Amino acid sequence: MITVQKTAELTGHSNPIFALTLSQKPGILFTGGNDKGVVEWTLKTNSFIKVMFPVAASVYAIHCPNDYALMFTGLRSGEVLVFDFIKQQLLPDLRHHRKPVFDIKSINSKKELLVASEDGTVSIWSLDTQQLIHSIKVSSDTVRCISISPDEKQVAFGCRDNEIRIYDLEDYTLINVLKGHTMAVFSLQYSPDGSYLISGSRDAQIRVWNTISFELIESIPAHLFAVNHIAFHPTQPYFATASMDKSIKLWGADDFKLYKIISREKGYDTHRLSVNKLVWNGDQLLSTGDDKKIILWDIKFD
């Protein structure tokens, strides 16, 4: 039995929100989207703190790597802004891509940062020096999302050409190409134990792939429209999906069964437009989307 209660709604953005991430500092949230800055919020009082810095283009990705007092912000212009929390200022941009940056992830063991772009490449940067190490051509079309396996041996890239490409993180050689989605892959997440990879697509399907054999385990018609994001609960065997159909769904991570639908049709005061991003803060699920709101949900697993 899963119970869901809306506890707060954060407002202030003037346009759709595309990026949502927790800070390295507990209780702090960052958001960005199609307006003029990256916003900092406190989850202790569920309130606005400040606009961190202005941006000249839409924000599609925000990443706060563990063990670094840095925040990386990917823009529609292709630039990646670097904010230093200790100096409380922007450092020189990461300038390489000329097309939108859609996702940013870090590899702690290698001290590297991965940046995925509409140009079909993924650039690899040193977290210590913020210098470009190299760039790999992943696709002839957009690389939309990145997921790194828990053991940091594999990385999966979801592409606009409907394919998922798996690379070896030791030397960035291609291991496998997963085909099955009929539209662009918008979200990827390795399971917490690394045994499978879940993909979400514009085709409204979620697919579950074995990470050793790369065989398809499950194909689920999850939503009515695009699956924009997937997020695993940090400790419980569940994951959440967010969709363009304005709903959030909670699924079993061990049986892939649907356990809860958070939608207006189910009586919840939730998003009125596309739900774009999710993040878990313990048993609290945070969601955001095109309606410019961030909603906080308390989820109880009985």
Protein backbone atom coordinates (compact mmCIF):
# COMPACT_ATOMS: atom_id res chain seq x y z
CA MET A 1 0.00 0.00 0.00
CA ILE A 2 1.44 3.32 -1.09
CA THR A 3 -0.06 6.59 0.13
CA VAL A 4 0.70 9.93 -1.46
CA GLN A 5 0.24 13.36 0.09
CA LYS A 6 1.03 16.70 -1.49
CA THR A 7 2.89 18.80 1.08
CA ALA A 8 4.02 21.91 -0.78
CA GLU A 9 4.09 23.76 -4.05
CA LEU A 10 6.97 26.05 -5.00
CA THR A 11 6.18 28.82 -7.47
CA GLY A 12 8.15 31.68 -8.97
CA HIS A 13 9.38 30.50 -12.34
CA SER A 14 7.75 32.40 -15.20
CA ASN A 15 8.19 29.66 -17.82
CA PRO A 16 8.41 25.84 -18.07
CA ILE A 17 10.99 24.12 -15.85
CA PHE A 18 13.26 21.52 -17.44
CA ALA A 19 15.94 20.92 -14.79
CA LEU A 20 15.59 19.88 -11.14
CA THR A 21 18.39 18.65 -8.91
CA LEU A 22 19.38 18.45 -5.26
CA SER A 23 22.48 20.26 -4.07
CA GLN A 24 25.38 18.47 -2.41
CA LYS A 25 24.22 20.40 0.68
CA PRO A 26 21.20 18.67 2.29
CA GLY A 27 17.88 20.48 2.02
CA ILE A 28 18.81 22.63 -0.97
CA LEU A 29 17.20 22.36 -4.41
CA PHE A 30 18.10 23.93 -7.74
CA THR A 31 15.79 24.46 -10.71
CA GLY A 32 16.14 25.93 -14.17
CA GLY A 33 14.15 26.22 -17.35
CA ASN A 34 12.94 28.57 -20.01
CA ASP A 35 13.46 31.76 -18.01
CA LYS A 36 16.25 33.98 -16.83
CA GLY A 37 18.14 32.18 -14.08
CA VAL A 38 18.98 29.14 -11.98
CA VAL A 39 16.92 29.24 -8.77
CA GLU A 40 17.89 28.01 -5.29
CA TRP A 41 15.19 26.77 -2.88
CA THR A 42 15.27 25.48 0.69
CA LEU A 43 13.34 22.30 1.48
CA LYS A 44 13.52 23.06 5.21
CA THR A 45 10.92 25.81 4.87
CA ASN A 46 9.86 25.04 1.26
CA SER A 47 10.71 28.53 0.12
CA PHE A 48 12.66 30.55 -2.43
CA ILE A 49 16.20 31.57 -1.48
CA LYS A 50 17.61 33.38 -4.51
CA VAL A 51 18.39 33.39 -8.20
CA MET A 52 21.90 31.92 -8.28
CA PHE A 53 22.97 33.56 -11.53
CA PRO A 54 21.37 34.81 -14.75
CA VAL A 55 21.39 32.71 -17.92
CA ALA A 56 21.30 33.83 -21.55
CA ALA A 57 19.51 30.70 -22.83
CA SER A 58 17.13 28.00 -21.58
CA VAL A 59 18.49 25.60 -18.96
CA TYR A 60 18.10 21.91 -19.88
CA ALA A 61 20.42 20.28 -17.31
CA ILE A 62 21.82 20.99 -13.84
CA HIS A 63 24.35 18.67 -12.18
CA CYS A 64 25.99 18.90 -8.74
CA PRO A 65 28.78 16.28 -8.53
CA ASN A 66 29.55 14.61 -5.22
CA ASP A 67 32.79 15.70 -3.51
CA TYR A 68 33.02 18.89 -5.58
CA ALA A 69 31.72 22.32 -4.54
CA LEU A 70 30.60 22.93 -8.10
CA MET A 71 27.39 23.13 -10.11
CA PHE A 72 27.29 22.57 -13.88
CA THR A 73 24.43 24.04 -15.90
CA GLY A 74 23.80 23.01 -19.51
CA LEU A 75 22.18 25.57 -21.79
CA ARG A 76 20.26 25.52 -25.04
CA SER A 77 23.13 27.53 -26.54
CA GLY A 78 25.55 24.62 -25.99
CA GLU A 79 27.49 26.28 -23.18
CA VAL A 80 27.97 24.71 -19.75
CA LEU A 81 28.12 27.23 -16.92
CA VAL A 82 30.31 26.36 -13.91
CA PHE A 83 29.41 27.80 -10.50
CA ASP A 84 31.84 27.55 -7.59
CA PHE A 85 29.96 27.35 -4.26
CA ILE A 86 33.03 28.30 -2.22
CA LYS A 87 33.93 31.37 -4.26
CA GLN A 88 30.20 32.05 -4.85
CA GLN A 89 30.87 32.95 -8.45
CA LEU A 90 30.82 31.61 -11.98
CA LEU A 91 34.05 30.12 -13.31
CA PRO A 92 34.93 30.09 -17.04
CA ASP A 93 32.31 28.28 -19.14
CA LEU A 94 32.87 24.87 -20.68
CA ARG A 95 32.75 25.83 -24.35
CA HIS A 96 32.70 22.99 -26.84
CA HIS A 97 29.17 22.25 -28.04
CA ARG A 98 27.37 24.62 -30.40
CA LYS A 99 23.99 22.93 -30.02
CA PRO A 100 21.83 22.40 -26.90
CA VAL A 101 23.19 20.42 -23.93
CA PHE A 102 20.54 17.99 -22.68
CA ASP A 103 22.24 16.05 -19.88
CA ILE A 104 25.29 16.19 -17.60
CA LYS A 105 26.59 13.41 -15.34
CA SER A 106 29.84 12.75 -13.45
CA ILE A 107 31.99 9.67 -12.86
CA ASN A 108 33.36 9.89 -9.33
CA SER A 109 36.01 7.19 -9.74
CA LYS A 110 37.49 8.84 -12.83
CA LYS A 111 36.86 12.45 -11.75
CA GLU A 112 35.28 13.08 -15.12
CA LEU A 113 32.23 14.98 -16.32
CA LEU A 114 30.10 13.84 -19.28
CA VAL A 115 28.10 16.34 -21.33
CA ALA A 116 25.52 15.17 -23.90
CA SER A 117 24.44 17.39 -26.77
CA GLU A 118 22.10 17.75 -29.70
CA ASP A 119 25.20 17.59 -31.94
CA GLY A 120 25.36 13.81 -31.36
CA THR A 121 28.54 13.92 -29.29
CA VAL A 122 29.40 13.50 -25.63
CA SER A 123 32.25 15.63 -24.34
CA ILE A 124 34.39 14.40 -21.45
CA TRP A 125 35.92 16.91 -19.03
CA SER A 126 38.22 16.80 -16.01
CA LEU A 127 36.32 17.66 -12.83
CA ASP A 128 39.56 18.90 -11.25
CA THR A 129 40.67 21.28 -14.00
CA GLN A 130 37.45 21.69 -16.04
CA GLN A 131 39.53 21.03 -19.16
CA LEU A 132 38.25 19.04 -22.14
CA ILE A 133 39.77 15.55 -22.23
CA HIS A 134 38.11 14.25 -25.38
CA SER A 135 34.83 13.94 -27.23
CA ILE A 136 33.07 10.87 -28.62
CA LYS A 137 30.67 10.74 -31.53
CA VAL A 138 27.77 8.70 -30.15
CA SER A 139 25.04 9.34 -32.70
CA SER A 140 24.27 11.13 -35.94
CA ASP A 141 21.44 12.81 -34.00
CA THR A 142 20.84 14.20 -30.49
CA VAL A 143 22.17 12.46 -27.37
CA ARG A 144 19.30 13.16 -25.00
CA CYS A 145 20.20 11.43 -21.72
CA ILE A 146 23.00 9.72 -19.79
CA SER A 147 22.99 7.02 -17.10
CA ILE A 148 26.09 5.63 -15.39
CA SER A 149 26.03 2.15 -13.86
CA PRO A 150 26.45 1.97 -10.06
CA ASP A 151 29.87 0.28 -10.40
CA GLU A 152 30.90 3.01 -12.89
CA LYS A 153 31.94 0.44 -15.50
CA GLN A 154 29.23 1.20 -18.07
CA VAL A 155 27.53 4.30 -19.37
CA ALA A 156 24.30 4.34 -21.38
CA PHE A 157 23.34 7.11 -23.79
CA GLY A 158 19.74 7.58 -24.97
CA CYS A 159 19.45 9.05 -28.45
CA ARG A 160 16.93 10.77 -30.64
CA ASP A 161 17.38 8.04 -33.28
CA ASN A 162 15.43 5.68 -30.91
CA GLU A 163 18.58 3.76 -29.88
CA ILE A 164 20.49 3.29 -26.63
CA ARG A 165 24.26 2.98 -26.89
CA ILE A 166 26.26 1.33 -24.11
CA TYR A 167 29.93 2.23 -23.67
CA ASP A 168 32.74 0.82 -21.54
CA LEU A 169 33.81 3.54 -19.11
CA GLU A 170 37.40 2.34 -18.97
CA ASP A 171 38.22 3.31 -22.54
CA TYR A 172 34.90 4.60 -23.99
CA THR A 173 34.56 1.76 -26.49
CA LEU A 174 31.09 0.84 -27.71
CA ILE A 175 29.77 -2.34 -26.05
CA ASN A 176 26.25 -2.64 -27.45
CA VAL A 177 23.39 -0.86 -29.21
CA LEU A 178 19.90 -1.50 -27.81
CA LYS A 179 17.08 -1.20 -30.31
CA GLY A 180 13.38 -1.44 -29.57
CA HIS A 181 11.93 2.01 -28.99
CA THR A 182 10.08 3.50 -31.95
CA MET A 183 10.75 7.12 -30.97
CA ALA A 184 13.45 9.17 -29.22
CA VAL A 185 14.82 7.92 -25.87
CA PHE A 186 14.26 10.66 -23.27
CA SER A 187 15.33 8.99 -20.01
CA LEU A 188 17.64 6.21 -18.79
CA GLN A 189 18.33 4.84 -15.31
CA TYR A 190 20.41 1.88 -14.15
CA SER A 191 18.81 -0.02 -11.29
CA PRO A 192 20.49 0.54 -7.90
CA ASP A 193 22.09 -2.94 -8.06
CA GLY A 194 23.13 -2.44 -11.69
CA SER A 195 21.41 -5.61 -12.92
CA TYR A 196 19.13 -3.82 -15.38
CA LEU A 197 18.66 -0.56 -17.24
CA ILE A 198 15.28 1.16 -17.68
CA SER A 199 14.63 3.38 -20.68
CA GLY A 200 11.77 5.79 -21.23
CA SER A 201 10.84 7.13 -24.64
CA ARG A 202 8.72 9.52 -26.59
CA ASP A 203 6.84 6.38 -27.69
CA ALA A 204 5.29 6.30 -24.15
CA GLN A 205 6.95 2.94 -23.40
CA ILE A 206 9.37 1.95 -20.69
CA ARG A 207 11.72 -0.90 -21.51
CA VAL A 208 13.83 -2.95 -19.12
CA TRP A 209 17.16 -4.32 -20.35
CA ASN A 210 19.54 -6.87 -18.78
CA THR A 211 22.95 -5.20 -18.34
CA ILE A 212 24.97 -8.38 -18.93
CA SER A 213 23.19 -10.00 -21.88
CA PHE A 214 21.53 -6.73 -23.00
CA GLU A 215 18.37 -8.68 -23.69
CA LEU A 216 14.97 -7.01 -23.31
CA ILE A 217 13.35 -8.12 -20.04
CA GLU A 218 10.12 -6.11 -20.12
CA SER A 219 8.33 -3.72 -22.44
CA ILE A 220 5.61 -1.72 -20.69
CA PRO A 221 3.08 0.70 -22.22
CA ALA A 222 3.66 3.06 -19.31
CA HIS A 223 1.99 6.33 -20.27
CA LEU A 224 -0.23 7.95 -22.89
CA PHE A 225 2.53 10.25 -24.13
CA ALA A 226 6.31 10.63 -23.80
CA VAL A 227 8.12 9.29 -20.72
CA ASN A 228 10.24 12.31 -19.78
CA HIS A 229 12.05 11.02 -16.70
CA ILE A 230 12.68 7.97 -14.51
CA ALA A 231 13.88 8.07 -10.89
CA PHE A 232 14.60 5.19 -8.49
CA HIS A 233 13.76 5.54 -4.81
CA PRO A 234 17.06 5.65 -2.86
CA THR A 235 16.21 2.73 -0.53
CA GLN A 236 12.81 1.23 -1.37
CA PRO A 237 12.22 -1.15 -4.34
CA TYR A 238 10.27 1.37 -6.42
CA PHE A 239 10.84 3.82 -9.22
CA ALA A 240 8.82 6.78 -10.49
CA THR A 241 8.13 7.92 -14.04
CA ALA A 242 7.11 11.37 -15.26
CA SER A 243 5.24 11.93 -18.49
CA MET A 244 4.05 14.46 -21.00
CA ASP A 245 0.57 13.08 -20.19
CA LYS A 246 0.70 15.17 -16.93
CA SER A 247 0.95 12.11 -14.65
CA ILE A 248 3.52 10.56 -12.32
CA LYS A 249 3.48 6.79 -11.81
CA LEU A 250 5.09 4.61 -9.15
CA TRP A 251 6.29 1.13 -10.15
CA GLY A 252 7.80 -1.87 -8.41
CA ALA A 253 11.52 -2.12 -9.10
CA ASP A 254 11.47 -5.90 -8.61
CA ASP A 255 8.18 -6.86 -10.34
CA PHE A 256 7.65 -3.85 -12.71
CA LYS A 257 4.01 -3.60 -11.62
CA LEU A 258 2.18 -0.28 -11.47
CA TYR A 259 1.39 0.66 -7.85
CA LYS A 260 0.25 4.29 -7.97
CA ILE A 261 -0.88 6.95 -10.42
CA ILE A 262 -0.56 10.58 -9.36
CA SER A 263 -2.83 12.50 -11.73
CA ARG A 264 -5.72 14.93 -11.67
CA GLU A 265 -7.99 12.12 -12.89
CA LYS A 266 -7.07 10.18 -9.73
CA GLY A 267 -7.99 13.14 -7.53
CA TYR A 268 -4.53 14.63 -6.91
CA ASP A 269 -3.86 18.36 -7.13
CA THR A 270 -0.94 17.83 -9.46
CA HIS A 271 0.59 19.27 -12.62
CA ARG A 272 -1.69 20.62 -15.34
CA LEU A 273 0.90 20.20 -18.10
CA SER A 274 3.83 17.92 -18.96
CA VAL A 275 5.83 16.59 -15.98
CA ASN A 276 9.48 16.96 -16.99
CA LYS A 277 11.70 15.96 -14.08
CA LEU A 278 11.64 14.02 -10.79
CA VAL A 279 14.01 13.71 -7.84
CA TRP A 280 13.76 11.73 -4.60
CA ASN A 281 14.73 13.36 -1.30
CA GLY A 282 14.37 10.34 0.98
CA ASP A 283 10.65 9.42 0.91
CA GLN A 284 9.83 12.82 -0.53
CA LEU A 285 9.31 12.97 -4.30
CA LEU A 286 9.79 16.30 -6.05
CA SER A 287 8.29 16.92 -9.49
CA THR A 288 8.34 19.79 -11.95
CA GLY A 289 7.18 20.58 -15.46
CA ASP A 290 5.73 22.90 -18.05
CA ASP A 291 3.23 24.45 -15.60
CA LYS A 292 6.16 26.31 -13.90
CA LYS A 293 5.55 24.59 -10.54
CA ILE A 294 7.64 22.36 -8.28
CA ILE A 295 5.45 20.01 -6.24
CA LEU A 296 6.58 18.11 -3.13
CA TRP A 297 4.98 14.74 -2.37
CA ASP A 298 5.31 12.66 0.79
CA ILE A 299 5.24 8.98 -0.21
CA LYS A 300 4.54 6.34 2.43
CA PHE A 301 5.24 2.66 1.74
CA ASP A 302 3.20 0.44 4.08
